[in-house]
């Protein structure tokens, strides 16, 4: 079970695909500020300091898969 909310997983999935905060916001109908807030929450919850580390953790834990990224 993930410690992240579904919305945080949605944001992380988009970040894993290489989308910018602005593009994530547009695709998920959020403000850029909300995306930034979700990313900070993700980093804090899983103890990482960057998007790359967050994506690596999510892949390791099975929260996202390589198939999700294609």
N, C-alpha and C. Protein backbone atom coordinates (compact mmCIF):
# COMPACT_ATOMS: atom_id res chain seq x y z
N UNK A 1 0.84 -1.19 0.00
CA UNK A 1 0.00 0.00 0.00
C UNK A 1 0.88 1.25 0.00
N UNK A 2 0.53 2.18 -0.81
CA UNK A 2 1.30 3.41 -0.96
C UNK A 2 1.02 4.39 0.17
N UNK A 3 2.06 5.09 0.57
CA UNK A 3 1.88 6.15 1.56
C UNK A 3 1.43 7.44 0.89
N UNK A 4 1.38 7.42 -0.43
CA UNK A 4 0.99 8.61 -1.18
C UNK A 4 -0.49 8.57 -1.52
N UNK A 5 -1.08 9.74 -1.62
CA UNK A 5 -2.47 9.82 -2.06
C UNK A 5 -2.54 9.53 -3.56
N UNK A 6 -3.74 9.26 -4.04
CA UNK A 6 -3.90 9.01 -5.47
C UNK A 6 -3.46 10.23 -6.29
N UNK A 7 -3.78 11.42 -5.81
CA UNK A 7 -3.39 12.64 -6.55
C UNK A 7 -1.88 12.80 -6.56
N UNK A 8 -1.22 12.48 -5.45
CA UNK A 8 0.24 12.55 -5.42
C UNK A 8 0.82 11.53 -6.41
N UNK A 9 0.24 10.35 -6.47
CA UNK A 9 0.70 9.35 -7.45
C UNK A 9 0.48 9.84 -8.88
N UNK A 10 -0.63 10.53 -9.12
CA UNK A 10 -0.89 11.09 -10.46
C UNK A 10 0.20 12.10 -10.82
N UNK A 11 0.53 12.97 -9.89
CA UNK A 11 1.56 13.99 -10.12
C UNK A 11 2.91 13.32 -10.34
N UNK A 12 3.23 12.34 -9.50
CA UNK A 12 4.51 11.65 -9.62
C UNK A 12 4.61 10.91 -10.95
N UNK A 13 3.53 10.30 -11.39
CA UNK A 13 3.53 9.61 -12.68
C UNK A 13 3.83 10.59 -13.81
N UNK A 14 3.20 11.75 -13.78
CA UNK A 14 3.45 12.75 -14.83
C UNK A 14 4.89 13.26 -14.76
N UNK A 15 5.40 13.45 -13.53
CA UNK A 15 6.78 13.89 -13.37
C UNK A 15 7.74 12.83 -13.91
N UNK A 16 7.40 11.56 -13.68
CA UNK A 16 8.23 10.46 -14.18
C UNK A 16 8.29 10.44 -15.69
N UNK A 17 7.24 10.93 -16.33
CA UNK A 17 7.21 11.01 -17.79
C UNK A 17 7.98 12.22 -18.31
N UNK A 18 8.52 13.03 -17.40
CA UNK A 18 9.34 14.16 -17.79
C UNK A 18 8.58 15.46 -17.98
N UNK A 19 7.32 15.49 -17.59
CA UNK A 19 6.53 16.72 -17.74
C UNK A 19 6.99 17.78 -16.75
N UNK A 20 6.93 19.02 -17.18
CA UNK A 20 7.24 20.14 -16.28
C UNK A 20 6.08 20.35 -15.33
N UNK A 21 6.32 21.12 -14.28
CA UNK A 21 5.24 21.43 -13.34
C UNK A 21 4.07 22.09 -14.06
N UNK A 22 4.38 22.97 -15.00
CA UNK A 22 3.33 23.66 -15.75
C UNK A 22 2.51 22.66 -16.57
N UNK A 23 3.19 21.71 -17.21
CA UNK A 23 2.48 20.71 -18.02
C UNK A 23 1.67 19.75 -17.14
N UNK A 24 2.23 19.37 -16.00
CA UNK A 24 1.48 18.52 -15.06
C UNK A 24 0.21 19.25 -14.62
N UNK A 25 0.36 20.50 -14.26
CA UNK A 25 -0.79 21.30 -13.83
C UNK A 25 -1.86 21.34 -14.91
N UNK A 26 -1.45 21.56 -16.13
CA UNK A 26 -2.39 21.63 -17.24
C UNK A 26 -3.12 20.30 -17.45
N UNK A 27 -2.37 19.21 -17.44
CA UNK A 27 -2.99 17.90 -17.69
C UNK A 27 -3.92 17.45 -16.57
N UNK A 28 -3.61 17.85 -15.33
CA UNK A 28 -4.41 17.41 -14.18
C UNK A 28 -5.39 18.49 -13.70
N UNK A 29 -5.46 19.60 -14.45
CA UNK A 29 -6.36 20.70 -14.11
C UNK A 29 -6.09 21.23 -12.71
N UNK A 30 -4.80 21.49 -12.43
CA UNK A 30 -4.35 22.04 -11.15
C UNK A 30 -3.57 23.32 -11.41
N UNK A 31 -3.32 24.07 -10.36
CA UNK A 31 -2.42 25.21 -10.48
C UNK A 31 -0.99 24.70 -10.34
N UNK A 32 -0.04 25.47 -10.85
CA UNK A 32 1.37 25.11 -10.72
C UNK A 32 1.73 25.04 -9.23
N UNK A 33 1.20 25.96 -8.45
CA UNK A 33 1.45 25.97 -7.00
C UNK A 33 1.00 24.66 -6.37
N UNK A 34 -0.15 24.15 -6.76
CA UNK A 34 -0.66 22.89 -6.21
C UNK A 34 0.25 21.73 -6.60
N UNK A 35 0.73 21.72 -7.82
CA UNK A 35 1.67 20.68 -8.25
C UNK A 35 2.94 20.74 -7.39
N UNK A 36 3.46 21.94 -7.18
CA UNK A 36 4.65 22.11 -6.35
C UNK A 36 4.39 21.62 -4.92
N UNK A 37 3.21 21.90 -4.40
CA UNK A 37 2.85 21.44 -3.06
C UNK A 37 2.80 19.92 -3.00
N UNK A 38 2.20 19.31 -4.02
CA UNK A 38 2.15 17.84 -4.07
C UNK A 38 3.56 17.26 -4.14
N UNK A 39 4.42 17.84 -4.95
CA UNK A 39 5.79 17.33 -5.06
C UNK A 39 6.54 17.45 -3.73
N UNK A 40 6.40 18.57 -3.04
CA UNK A 40 7.04 18.73 -1.73
C UNK A 40 6.52 17.67 -0.75
N UNK A 41 5.22 17.43 -0.78
CA UNK A 41 4.61 16.43 0.09
C UNK A 41 5.17 15.04 -0.22
N UNK A 42 5.27 14.73 -1.50
CA UNK A 42 5.83 13.44 -1.93
C UNK A 42 7.26 13.30 -1.39
N UNK A 43 8.07 14.33 -1.61
CA UNK A 43 9.47 14.27 -1.16
C UNK A 43 9.54 14.04 0.34
N UNK A 44 8.72 14.75 1.09
CA UNK A 44 8.74 14.60 2.56
C UNK A 44 8.27 13.23 2.99
N UNK A 45 7.22 12.74 2.38
CA UNK A 45 6.65 11.44 2.78
C UNK A 45 7.60 10.28 2.52
N UNK A 46 8.35 10.34 1.42
CA UNK A 46 9.21 9.20 1.09
C UNK A 46 10.69 9.49 1.34
N UNK A 47 10.99 10.66 1.88
CA UNK A 47 12.35 10.97 2.31
C UNK A 47 13.36 11.14 1.20
N UNK A 48 12.95 11.87 0.17
CA UNK A 48 13.86 12.15 -0.95
C UNK A 48 13.97 13.66 -1.15
N UNK A 49 14.91 14.07 -2.00
CA UNK A 49 15.12 15.48 -2.21
C UNK A 49 14.96 15.95 -3.64
N UNK A 50 14.57 15.04 -4.53
CA UNK A 50 14.44 15.44 -5.93
C UNK A 50 13.41 14.58 -6.64
N UNK A 51 13.02 15.06 -7.81
CA UNK A 51 12.09 14.31 -8.66
C UNK A 51 12.69 12.97 -9.06
N UNK A 52 13.96 12.97 -9.41
CA UNK A 52 14.62 11.74 -9.85
C UNK A 52 14.61 10.70 -8.73
N UNK A 53 14.93 11.12 -7.52
CA UNK A 53 14.90 10.20 -6.39
C UNK A 53 13.48 9.69 -6.13
N UNK A 54 12.51 10.58 -6.25
CA UNK A 54 11.11 10.20 -6.02
C UNK A 54 10.67 9.16 -7.04
N UNK A 55 11.01 9.37 -8.29
CA UNK A 55 10.65 8.42 -9.35
C UNK A 55 11.35 7.08 -9.11
N UNK A 56 12.62 7.12 -8.75
CA UNK A 56 13.36 5.88 -8.48
C UNK A 56 12.70 5.11 -7.34
N UNK A 57 12.32 5.79 -6.27
CA UNK A 57 11.64 5.14 -5.15
C UNK A 57 10.30 4.55 -5.58
N UNK A 58 9.56 5.31 -6.36
CA UNK A 58 8.24 4.85 -6.82
C UNK A 58 8.37 3.60 -7.69
N UNK A 59 9.38 3.56 -8.54
CA UNK A 59 9.63 2.38 -9.36
C UNK A 59 10.03 1.20 -8.48
N UNK A 60 10.92 1.43 -7.52
CA UNK A 60 11.38 0.38 -6.62
C UNK A 60 10.23 -0.20 -5.81
N UNK A 61 9.33 0.66 -5.35
CA UNK A 61 8.21 0.23 -4.51
C UNK A 61 7.03 -0.31 -5.33
N UNK A 62 7.10 -0.14 -6.66
CA UNK A 62 6.03 -0.64 -7.52
C UNK A 62 4.83 0.30 -7.62
N UNK A 63 4.99 1.53 -7.17
CA UNK A 63 3.89 2.51 -7.25
C UNK A 63 3.66 2.95 -8.68
N UNK A 64 4.74 2.96 -9.46
CA UNK A 64 4.63 3.18 -10.91
C UNK A 64 5.50 2.11 -11.58
N UNK A 65 5.17 1.80 -12.82
CA UNK A 65 5.95 0.81 -13.55
C UNK A 65 6.50 1.43 -14.83
N UNK A 66 7.44 0.76 -15.43
CA UNK A 66 7.98 1.26 -16.69
C UNK A 66 6.90 1.33 -17.75
N UNK A 67 5.93 0.43 -17.69
CA UNK A 67 4.82 0.46 -18.65
C UNK A 67 3.99 1.72 -18.49
N UNK A 68 3.88 2.23 -17.25
CA UNK A 68 3.14 3.47 -17.00
C UNK A 68 3.79 4.64 -17.72
N UNK A 69 5.08 4.54 -17.97
CA UNK A 69 5.83 5.66 -18.53
C UNK A 69 5.84 5.68 -20.05
N UNK A 70 5.29 4.65 -20.70
CA UNK A 70 5.31 4.63 -22.16
C UNK A 70 4.05 5.22 -22.73
